[in-house]
Amino acid sequence: MSQEQDKEQTRPESPAAALINIKNLRKVFKRDETETVVLENFSLEIGKGELITLVGPSGCGKTTILRLIAGLTEPTSGEVTINGKPCTVPGADRGMVFQDFALFPWRSVRKNVEFGLEIAGVPKEERREKAEKYIKLAGLEKFIDARVHELSGGMKQRVGIARALVGHPDVILMDEPFGALDAQTRNIMQVQLLKILEKTDQTIIFVTHSVDEAVFLSDRIIVLTKRPASIIEIIDIPWPRPRDRADPEFTALRKKILTELEEENVMNN
């Protein structure tokens, strides 16, 4: 790719040790007498410090995978472990960022970021210090006492990212976090996210419908089939960051993945 190879890239391309192990996951949703199989024999290993994106057709099970890792739903069979520990319930080792911001409108930026620490019983001065650190990291120090309604969409999402990071979880789960933003703000937020991640060591699992976003952000892209989800291909991204969206290699990879997804839709309709 055309970027200079000596540009800083703090996110690893291929970590040796797996932090997250997903083994033979199967998820069936039951309603009355109807069963819907969302995942079937789904397995994946994710290394510490990786930024992984999940892309696939709408409704294929991407969000279900996140919810299983988060411990918000139980698998029908199979297991998810982080550092060898089963993920059967939510835990402090995982943070989540949602598409709809999920902020408390009556709280300030500081109080929103502090919320999880407050629930965990972290002393006031300690949680204030930690919140201020991540608010600054997110570039929101001038808005630390602002209310949610005073913020733009991109700023609200930065609050959500700071809130997820402040407890320093091992894993951040991001479910279409920029999906509600306009194209320009979305691109700005992608760059902002990478700047934030340069200063942290969290593992990121990122769900997106945007192939462009996946190629721009990822260490690896997991391309999924239609429901029940299985893996079409795992793509290692060899290029350093920042990446040039106009580079021919970037464009070619984006086109390749889009073609795979289009073929998957046609073959399974």
C-alpha atoms as a PDB file:
ATOM      1  CA  MET A   1       0.000   0.000   0.000  1.00  0.00           C
ATOM      2  CA  SER A   2       1.181   3.565  -0.599  1.00  0.00           C
ATOM      3  CA  GLN A   3       1.463   4.652   3.063  1.00  0.00           C
ATOM      4  CA  GLU A   4       4.959   4.950   4.454  1.00  0.00           C
ATOM      5  CA  GLN A   5       5.855   1.784   6.333  1.00  0.00           C
ATOM      6  CA  ASP A   6       7.527   3.692   9.170  1.00  0.00           C
ATOM      7  CA  LYS A   7       4.253   5.281  10.267  1.00  0.00           C
ATOM      8  CA  GLU A   8       3.261   4.273  13.756  1.00  0.00           C
ATOM      9  CA  GLN A   9       1.011   1.255  14.080  1.00  0.00           C
ATOM     10  CA  THR A  10       0.415   0.228  17.658  1.00  0.00           C
ATOM     11  CA  ARG A  11      -2.280  -2.373  16.956  1.00  0.00           C
ATOM     12  CA  PRO A  12      -0.856  -5.844  16.280  1.00  0.00           C
ATOM     13  CA  GLU A  13      -1.495  -7.655  13.026  1.00  0.00           C
ATOM     14  CA  SER A  14      -1.411 -11.201  14.350  1.00  0.00           C
ATOM     15  CA  PRO A  15      -1.159 -11.643  18.140  1.00  0.00           C
ATOM     16  CA  ALA A  16       0.283 -15.004  19.099  1.00  0.00           C
ATOM     17  CA  ALA A  17      -1.866 -15.710  22.172  1.00  0.00           C
ATOM     18  CA  ALA A  18      -5.652 -15.897  22.025  1.00  0.00           C
ATOM     19  CA  LEU A  19      -7.458 -13.752  24.590  1.00  0.00           C
ATOM     20  CA  ILE A  20     -10.935 -14.815  23.438  1.00  0.00           C
ATOM     21  CA  ASN A  21     -11.827 -18.360  22.435  1.00  0.00           C
ATOM     22  CA  ILE A  22     -15.178 -19.001  20.771  1.00  0.00           C
ATOM     23  CA  LYS A  23     -15.777 -22.721  20.324  1.00  0.00           C
ATOM     24  CA  ASN A  24     -18.563 -24.422  18.408  1.00  0.00           C
ATOM     25  CA  LEU A  25     -21.183 -21.811  19.249  1.00  0.00           C
ATOM     26  CA  ARG A  26     -24.766 -22.601  18.399  1.00  0.00           C
ATOM     27  CA  LYS A  27     -27.610 -20.229  19.143  1.00  0.00           C
ATOM     28  CA  VAL A  28     -31.265 -21.034  18.589  1.00  0.00           C
ATOM     29  CA  PHE A  29     -34.059 -18.601  19.388  1.00  0.00           C
ATOM     30  CA  LYS A  30     -37.411 -20.191  20.188  1.00  0.00           C
ATOM     31  CA  ARG A  31     -40.781 -18.505  19.915  1.00  0.00           C
ATOM     32  CA  ASP A  32     -43.904 -20.580  20.427  1.00  0.00           C
ATOM     33  CA  GLU A  33     -43.229 -23.641  18.252  1.00  0.00           C
ATOM     34  CA  THR A  34     -40.826 -21.850  15.891  1.00  0.00           C
ATOM     35  CA  GLU A  35     -37.053 -22.234  16.123  1.00  0.00           C
ATOM     36  CA  THR A  36     -34.615 -19.852  14.432  1.00  0.00           C
ATOM     37  CA  VAL A  37     -30.999 -20.974  14.204  1.00  0.00           C
ATOM     38  CA  VAL A  38     -28.789 -17.861  14.246  1.00  0.00           C
ATOM     39  CA  LEU A  39     -25.348 -19.428  14.762  1.00  0.00           C
ATOM     40  CA  GLU A  40     -24.217 -22.936  13.901  1.00  0.00           C
ATOM     41  CA  ASN A  41     -20.821 -24.372  14.874  1.00  0.00           C
ATOM     42  CA  PHE A  42     -19.207 -20.909  15.034  1.00  0.00           C
ATOM     43  CA  SER A  43     -15.569 -20.852  16.204  1.00  0.00           C
ATOM     44  CA  LEU A  44     -13.020 -18.031  16.360  1.00  0.00           C
ATOM     45  CA  GLU A  45      -9.878 -17.056  18.281  1.00  0.00           C
ATOM     46  CA  ILE A  46      -9.090 -13.396  18.961  1.00  0.00           C
ATOM     47  CA  GLY A  47      -5.735 -12.155  20.232  1.00  0.00           C
ATOM     48  CA  LYS A  48      -5.076  -9.494  22.836  1.00  0.00           C
ATOM     49  CA  GLY A  49      -4.929  -6.023  21.308  1.00  0.00           C
ATOM     50  CA  GLU A  50      -6.611  -6.974  18.041  1.00  0.00           C
ATOM     51  CA  LEU A  51      -9.278  -4.877  16.373  1.00  0.00           C
ATOM     52  CA  ILE A  52     -11.625  -7.377  14.743  1.00  0.00           C
ATOM     53  CA  THR A  53     -14.616  -6.434  12.599  1.00  0.00           C
ATOM     54  CA  LEU A  54     -17.591  -8.643  11.828  1.00  0.00           C
ATOM     55  CA  VAL A  55     -19.256  -7.990   8.472  1.00  0.00           C
ATOM     56  CA  GLY A  56     -22.086  -9.906   6.879  1.00  0.00           C
ATOM     57  CA  PRO A  57     -25.643  -9.679   5.575  1.00  0.00           C
ATOM     58  CA  SER A  58     -28.300  -7.986   7.711  1.00  0.00           C
ATOM     59  CA  GLY A  59     -29.721 -10.334  10.315  1.00  0.00           C
ATOM     60  CA  CYS A  60     -26.937 -12.888   9.983  1.00  0.00           C
ATOM     61  CA  GLY A  61     -26.127 -12.920  13.704  1.00  0.00           C
ATOM     62  CA  LYS A  62     -23.387 -10.291  14.188  1.00  0.00           C
ATOM     63  CA  THR A  63     -25.077  -8.627  17.163  1.00  0.00           C
ATOM     64  CA  THR A  64     -25.914 -12.054  18.626  1.00  0.00           C
ATOM     65  CA  ILE A  65     -22.195 -12.892  18.601  1.00  0.00           C
ATOM     66  CA  LEU A  66     -21.482  -9.682  20.540  1.00  0.00           C
ATOM     67  CA  ARG A  67     -24.255 -10.427  23.031  1.00  0.00           C
ATOM     68  CA  LEU A  68     -22.884 -13.935  23.600  1.00  0.00           C
ATOM     69  CA  ILE A  69     -19.405 -12.540  24.270  1.00  0.00           C
ATOM     70  CA  ALA A  70     -20.924  -9.889  26.544  1.00  0.00           C
ATOM     71  CA  GLY A  71     -22.762 -12.546  28.535  1.00  0.00           C
ATOM     72  CA  LEU A  72     -26.121 -10.906  27.774  1.00  0.00           C
ATOM     73  CA  THR A  73     -27.487 -14.118  26.275  1.00  0.00           C
ATOM     74  CA  GLU A  74     -26.550 -17.781  26.669  1.00  0.00           C
ATOM     75  CA  PRO A  75     -25.489 -20.074  23.836  1.00  0.00           C
ATOM     76  CA  THR A  76     -27.628 -23.074  23.009  1.00  0.00           C
ATOM     77  CA  SER A  77     -24.357 -24.992  22.911  1.00  0.00           C
ATOM     78  CA  GLY A  78     -20.658 -24.212  22.709  1.00  0.00           C
ATOM     79  CA  GLU A  79     -18.775 -21.660  24.793  1.00  0.00           C
ATOM     80  CA  VAL A  80     -17.027 -18.303  24.888  1.00  0.00           C
ATOM     81  CA  THR A  81     -14.049 -17.778  27.187  1.00  0.00           C
ATOM     82  CA  ILE A  82     -11.889 -14.737  27.949  1.00  0.00           C
ATOM     83  CA  ASN A  83      -8.544 -15.538  29.556  1.00  0.00           C
ATOM     84  CA  GLY A  84      -9.877 -19.055  29.978  1.00  0.00           C
ATOM     85  CA  LYS A  85     -12.939 -17.956  31.971  1.00  0.00           C
ATOM     86  CA  PRO A  86     -16.440 -18.692  30.596  1.00  0.00           C
ATOM     87  CA  CYS A  87     -18.508 -15.643  29.574  1.00  0.00           C
ATOM     88  CA  THR A  88     -21.869 -16.704  30.965  1.00  0.00           C
ATOM     89  CA  VAL A  89     -22.824 -13.361  32.549  1.00  0.00           C
ATOM     90  CA  PRO A  90     -21.753  -9.724  32.013  1.00  0.00           C
ATOM     91  CA  GLY A  91     -18.463  -8.781  33.655  1.00  0.00           C
ATOM     92  CA  ALA A  92     -16.097  -5.878  34.255  1.00  0.00           C
ATOM     93  CA  ASP A  93     -13.660  -7.400  31.750  1.00  0.00           C
ATOM     94  CA  ARG A  94     -16.014  -6.359  28.908  1.00  0.00           C
ATOM     95  CA  GLY A  95     -17.289  -2.915  27.903  1.00  0.00           C
ATOM     96  CA  MET A  96     -19.940  -2.195  25.280  1.00  0.00           C
ATOM     97  CA  VAL A  97     -20.603   0.727  22.925  1.00  0.00           C
ATOM     98  CA  PHE A  98     -24.022   0.906  21.280  1.00  0.00           C
ATOM     99  CA  GLN A  99     -25.284   2.577  18.114  1.00  0.00           C
ATOM    100  CA  ASP A 100     -27.885   4.641  19.979  1.00  0.00           C
ATOM    101  CA  PHE A 101     -25.369   6.146  22.474  1.00  0.00           C
ATOM    102  CA  ALA A 102     -27.335   4.837  25.523  1.00  0.00           C
ATOM    103  CA  LEU A 103     -26.384   7.883  27.594  1.00  0.00           C
ATOM    104  CA  PHE A 104     -28.266   9.320  30.572  1.00  0.00           C
ATOM    105  CA  PRO A 105     -29.597  12.724  29.419  1.00  0.00           C
ATOM    106  CA  TRP A 106     -29.892  14.081  32.960  1.00  0.00           C
ATOM    107  CA  ARG A 107     -26.209  13.450  33.666  1.00  0.00           C
ATOM    108  CA  SER A 108     -23.211  15.501  32.560  1.00  0.00           C
ATOM    109  CA  VAL A 109     -20.453  14.078  30.374  1.00  0.00           C
ATOM    110  CA  ARG A 110     -18.377  13.436  33.506  1.00  0.00           C
ATOM    111  CA  LYS A 111     -21.247  11.714  35.330  1.00  0.00           C
ATOM    112  CA  ASN A 112     -22.047   9.532  32.301  1.00  0.00           C
ATOM    113  CA  VAL A 113     -18.445   8.357  32.071  1.00  0.00           C
ATOM    114  CA  GLU A 114     -18.291   7.772  35.846  1.00  0.00           C
ATOM    115  CA  PHE A 115     -21.503   5.724  35.933  1.00  0.00           C
ATOM    116  CA  GLY A 116     -20.021   2.220  35.763  1.00  0.00           C
ATOM    117  CA  LEU A 117     -17.362   3.094  38.336  1.00  0.00           C
ATOM    118  CA  GLU A 118     -20.044   4.527  40.603  1.00  0.00           C
ATOM    119  CA  ILE A 119     -22.089   1.313  40.387  1.00  0.00           C
ATOM    120  CA  ALA A 120     -18.921  -0.670  41.152  1.00  0.00           C
ATOM    121  CA  GLY A 121     -18.389   1.346  44.329  1.00  0.00           C
ATOM    122  CA  VAL A 122     -15.211   3.126  43.225  1.00  0.00           C
ATOM    123  CA  PRO A 123     -14.515   6.055  45.601  1.00  0.00           C
ATOM    124  CA  LYS A 124     -15.571   9.495  44.346  1.00  0.00           C
ATOM    125  CA  GLU A 125     -12.113  11.007  43.893  1.00  0.00           C
ATOM    126  CA  GLU A 126     -10.753   7.920  42.138  1.00  0.00           C
ATOM    127  CA  ARG A 127     -13.639   7.663  39.690  1.00  0.00           C
ATOM    128  CA  ARG A 128     -13.444  11.405  39.022  1.00  0.00           C
ATOM    129  CA  GLU A 129      -9.742  11.112  38.195  1.00  0.00           C
ATOM    130  CA  LYS A 130     -10.282   8.114  35.909  1.00  0.00           C
ATOM    131  CA  ALA A 131     -13.250   9.712  34.156  1.00  0.00           C
ATOM    132  CA  GLU A 132     -11.306  12.915  33.486  1.00  0.00           C
ATOM    133  CA  LYS A 133      -8.431  10.881  31.992  1.00  0.00           C
ATOM    134  CA  TYR A 134     -10.668   9.167  29.438  1.00  0.00           C
ATOM    135  CA  ILE A 135     -12.738  12.266  28.731  1.00  0.00           C
ATOM    136  CA  LYS A 136      -9.483  14.030  27.836  1.00  0.00           C
ATOM    137  CA  LEU A 137      -8.412  11.021  25.758  1.00  0.00           C
ATOM    138  CA  ALA A 138     -11.701  11.341  23.840  1.00  0.00           C
ATOM    139  CA  GLY A 139     -11.047  15.059  23.264  1.00  0.00           C
ATOM    140  CA  LEU A 140     -14.033  16.188  25.338  1.00  0.00           C
ATOM    141  CA  GLU A 141     -12.336  18.013  28.208  1.00  0.00           C
ATOM    142  CA  LYS A 142     -14.012  21.310  27.225  1.00  0.00           C
ATOM    143  CA  PHE A 143     -17.416  19.636  27.536  1.00  0.00           C
ATOM    144  CA  ILE A 144     -16.831  17.743  30.770  1.00  0.00           C
ATOM    145  CA  ASP A 145     -19.783  19.400  32.534  1.00  0.00           C
ATOM    146  CA  ALA A 146     -22.043  19.623  29.471  1.00  0.00           C
ATOM    147  CA  ARG A 147     -25.380  17.793  29.318  1.00  0.00           C
ATOM    148  CA  VAL A 148     -26.068  15.198  26.646  1.00  0.00           C
ATOM    149  CA  HIS A 149     -28.518  17.403  24.712  1.00  0.00           C
ATOM    150  CA  GLU A 150     -25.730  19.953  24.187  1.00  0.00           C
ATOM    151  CA  LEU A 151     -23.549  17.449  22.303  1.00  0.00           C
ATOM    152  CA  SER A 152     -23.377  16.489  18.634  1.00  0.00           C
ATOM    153  CA  GLY A 153     -23.857  12.871  17.561  1.00  0.00           C
ATOM    154  CA  GLY A 154     -20.130  12.303  17.227  1.00  0.00           C
ATOM    155  CA  MET A 155     -19.467  13.803  20.652  1.00  0.00           C
ATOM    156  CA  LYS A 156     -22.135  11.592  22.218  1.00  0.00           C
ATOM    157  CA  GLN A 157     -20.470   8.547  20.755  1.00  0.00           C
ATOM    158  CA  ARG A 158     -17.108   9.664  22.130  1.00  0.00           C
ATOM    159  CA  VAL A 159     -18.737   9.835  25.571  1.00  0.00           C
ATOM    160  CA  GLY A 160     -19.928   6.255  25.043  1.00  0.00           C
ATOM    161  CA  ILE A 161     -16.419   5.148  24.084  1.00  0.00           C
ATOM    162  CA  ALA A 162     -14.891   6.907  27.111  1.00  0.00           C
ATOM    163  CA  ARG A 163     -17.473   5.244  29.371  1.00  0.00           C
ATOM    164  CA  ALA A 164     -16.593   1.824  27.931  1.00  0.00           C
ATOM    165  CA  LEU A 165     -12.853   2.423  28.345  1.00  0.00           C
ATOM    166  CA  VAL A 166     -12.820   3.950  31.844  1.00  0.00           C
ATOM    167  CA  GLY A 167     -13.046   0.631  33.670  1.00  0.00           C
ATOM    168  CA  HIS A 168     -10.156  -0.636  31.538  1.00  0.00           C
ATOM    169  CA  PRO A 169     -11.874  -3.851  30.408  1.00  0.00           C
ATOM    170  CA  ASP A 170      -9.953  -6.436  28.433  1.00  0.00           C
ATOM    171  CA  VAL A 171     -12.494  -6.344  25.608  1.00  0.00           C
ATOM    172  CA  ILE A 172     -14.602  -3.557  24.050  1.00  0.00           C
ATOM    173  CA  LEU A 173     -17.662  -4.698  22.083  1.00  0.00           C
ATOM    174  CA  MET A 174     -18.872  -2.114  19.562  1.00  0.00           C
ATOM    175  CA  ASP A 175     -22.234  -2.669  17.886  1.00  0.00           C
ATOM    176  CA  GLU A 176     -22.536  -0.407  14.808  1.00  0.00           C
ATOM    177  CA  PRO A 177     -21.267   2.507  16.939  1.00  0.00           C
ATOM    178  CA  PHE A 178     -21.095   4.959  14.021  1.00  0.00           C
ATOM    179  CA  GLY A 179     -24.099   3.674  12.076  1.00  0.00           C
ATOM    180  CA  ALA A 180     -26.371   6.579  13.043  1.00  0.00           C
ATOM    181  CA  LEU A 181     -23.866   9.272  12.042  1.00  0.00           C
ATOM    182  CA  ASP A 182     -23.617  11.103   8.732  1.00  0.00           C
ATOM    183  CA  ALA A 183     -20.809  10.034   6.388  1.00  0.00           C
ATOM    184  CA  GLN A 184     -18.428  12.888   7.213  1.00  0.00           C
ATOM    185  CA  THR A 185     -18.849  12.535  10.980  1.00  0.00           C
ATOM    186  CA  ARG A 186     -18.505   8.763  10.661  1.00  0.00           C
ATOM    187  CA  ASN A 187     -15.123   9.102   8.949  1.00  0.00           C
ATOM    188  CA  ILE A 188     -13.972  11.587  11.596  1.00  0.00           C
ATOM    189  CA  MET A 189     -15.055   9.200  14.361  1.00  0.00           C
ATOM    190  CA  GLN A 190     -13.150   6.304  12.790  1.00  0.00           C
ATOM    191  CA  VAL A 191      -9.950   8.376  12.894  1.00  0.00           C
ATOM    192  CA  GLN A 192     -10.750   9.502  16.452  1.00  0.00           C
ATOM    193  CA  LEU A 193     -11.284   5.896  17.556  1.00  0.00           C
ATOM    194  CA  LEU A 194      -7.895   4.850  16.189  1.00  0.00           C
ATOM    195  CA  LYS A 195      -6.218   7.766  17.984  1.00  0.00           C
ATOM    196  CA  ILE A 196      -7.835   6.680  21.242  1.00  0.00           C
ATOM    197  CA  LEU A 197      -6.827   3.057  20.729  1.00  0.00           C
ATOM    198  CA  GLU A 198      -3.192   4.023  20.137  1.00  0.00           C
ATOM    199  CA  LYS A 199      -3.085   4.898  23.836  1.00  0.00           C
ATOM    200  CA  THR A 200      -4.831   1.764  25.133  1.00  0.00           C
ATOM    201  CA  ASP A 201      -4.334  -1.995  24.883  1.00  0.00           C
ATOM    202  CA  GLN A 202      -7.919  -3.189  24.732  1.00  0.00           C
ATOM    203  CA  THR A 203      -9.149  -5.791  22.298  1.00  0.00           C
ATOM    204  CA  ILE A 204     -11.964  -4.515  20.081  1.00  0.00           C
ATOM    205  CA  ILE A 205     -14.737  -6.524  18.416  1.00  0.00           C
ATOM    206  CA  PHE A 206     -16.558  -4.182  16.057  1.00  0.00           C
ATOM    207  CA  VAL A 207     -19.791  -4.921  14.185  1.00  0.00           C
ATOM    208  CA  THR A 208     -20.414  -2.916  11.018  1.00  0.00           C
ATOM    209  CA  HIS A 209     -22.396  -3.044   7.781  1.00  0.00           C
ATOM    210  CA  SER A 210     -19.784  -0.818   6.129  1.00  0.00           C
ATOM    211  CA  VAL A 211     -17.048  -2.733   4.324  1.00  0.00           C
ATOM    212  CA  ASP A 212     -15.149   0.533   3.860  1.00  0.00           C
ATOM    213  CA  GLU A 213     -15.169   1.052   7.636  1.00  0.00           C
ATOM    214  CA  ALA A 214     -13.995  -2.526   8.218  1.00  0.00           C
ATOM    215  CA  VAL A 215     -11.023  -2.187   5.856  1.00  0.00           C
ATOM    216  CA  PHE A 216     -10.098   1.202   7.331  1.00  0.00           C
ATOM    217  CA  LEU A 217     -10.137   0.044  10.967  1.00  0.00           C
ATOM    218  CA  SER A 218      -9.368  -3.654  11.201  1.00  0.00           C
ATOM    219  CA  ASP A 219      -6.467  -5.907  11.979  1.00  0.00           C
ATOM    220  CA  ARG A 220      -8.691  -8.752  10.734  1.00  0.00           C
ATOM    221  CA  ILE A 221     -12.090  -8.838   9.040  1.00  0.00           C
ATOM    222  CA  ILE A 222     -14.424 -11.758   9.691  1.00  0.00           C
ATOM    223  CA  VAL A 223     -16.737 -12.141   6.674  1.00  0.00           C
ATOM    224  CA  LEU A 224     -19.945 -13.991   7.595  1.00  0.00           C
ATOM    225  CA  THR A 225     -22.611 -15.896   5.689  1.00  0.00           C
ATOM    226  CA  LYS A 226     -26.327 -15.338   5.955  1.00  0.00           C
ATOM    227  CA  ARG A 227     -28.112 -16.827   8.959  1.00  0.00           C
ATOM    228  CA  PRO A 228     -27.161 -19.187  10.481  1.00  0.00           C
ATOM    229  CA  ALA A 229     -23.819 -17.405  10.492  1.00  0.00           C
ATOM    230  CA  SER A 230     -20.615 -19.174   9.596  1.00  0.00           C
ATOM    231  CA  ILE A 231     -17.329 -17.720   8.403  1.00  0.00           C
ATOM    232  CA  ILE A 232     -16.773 -17.224   4.661  1.00  0.00           C
ATOM    233  CA  GLU A 233     -13.266 -15.845   5.087  1.00  0.00           C
ATOM    234  CA  ILE A 234     -10.927 -14.284   7.643  1.00  0.00           C
ATOM    235  CA  ILE A 235      -8.941 -11.444   6.063  1.00  0.00           C
ATOM    236  CA  ASP A 236      -5.706 -10.193   7.632  1.00  0.00           C
ATOM    237  CA  ILE A 237      -5.087  -6.528   6.854  1.00  0.00           C
ATOM    238  CA  PRO A 238      -1.335  -6.096   6.263  1.00  0.00           C
ATOM    239  CA  TRP A 239      -1.220  -2.301   5.937  1.00  0.00           C
ATOM    240  CA  PRO A 240      -0.165   0.160   8.619  1.00  0.00           C
ATOM    241  CA  ARG A 241      -2.421   2.938   9.811  1.00  0.00           C
ATOM    242  CA  PRO A 242      -3.470   5.533   8.804  1.00  0.00           C
ATOM    243  CA  ARG A 243      -4.900   4.035   5.601  1.00  0.00           C
ATOM    244  CA  ASP A 244      -5.689   5.780   2.353  1.00  0.00           C
ATOM    245  CA  ARG A 245      -9.212   4.958   1.168  1.00  0.00           C
ATOM    246  CA  ALA A 246      -8.262   6.004  -2.369  1.00  0.00           C
ATOM    247  CA  ASP A 247      -5.333   3.590  -2.579  1.00  0.00           C
ATOM    248  CA  PRO A 248      -5.940   0.955  -5.317  1.00  0.00           C
ATOM    249  CA  GLU A 249      -5.187  -1.927  -2.931  1.00  0.00           C
ATOM    250  CA  PHE A 250      -7.697  -0.581  -0.392  1.00  0.00           C
ATOM    251  CA  THR A 251     -10.292  -0.207  -3.137  1.00  0.00           C
ATOM    252  CA  ALA A 252      -9.601  -3.696  -4.501  1.00  0.00           C
ATOM    253  CA  LEU A 253     -10.022  -5.355  -1.103  1.00  0.00           C
ATOM    254  CA  ARG A 254     -13.239  -3.453  -0.413  1.00  0.00           C
ATOM    255  CA  LYS A 255     -14.588  -4.568  -3.807  1.00  0.00           C
ATOM    256  CA  LYS A 256     -13.566  -8.192  -3.157  1.00  0.00           C
ATOM    257  CA  ILE A 257     -15.445  -8.317   0.152  1.00  0.00           C
ATOM    258  CA  LEU A 258     -18.514  -6.605  -1.304  1.00  0.00           C
ATOM    259  CA  THR A 259     -18.551  -9.151  -4.133  1.00  0.00           C
ATOM    260  CA  GLU A 260     -18.380 -12.025  -1.641  1.00  0.00           C
ATOM    261  CA  LEU A 261     -21.310 -10.582   0.311  1.00  0.00           C
ATOM    262  CA  GLU A 262     -23.357  -9.967  -2.845  1.00  0.00           C
ATOM    263  CA  GLU A 263     -22.737 -13.551  -4.006  1.00  0.00           C
ATOM    264  CA  GLU A 264     -23.747 -14.835  -0.567  1.00  0.00           C
ATOM    265  CA  ASN A 265     -27.024 -12.934  -0.760  1.00  0.00           C
ATOM    266  CA  VAL A 266     -27.761 -14.186  -4.288  1.00  0.00           C
ATOM    267  CA  MET A 267     -26.876 -17.814  -3.538  1.00  0.00           C
ATOM    268  CA  ASN A 268     -29.032 -17.973  -0.442  1.00  0.00           C
ATOM    269  CA  ASN A 269     -32.147 -16.132  -1.613  1.00  0.00           C
END
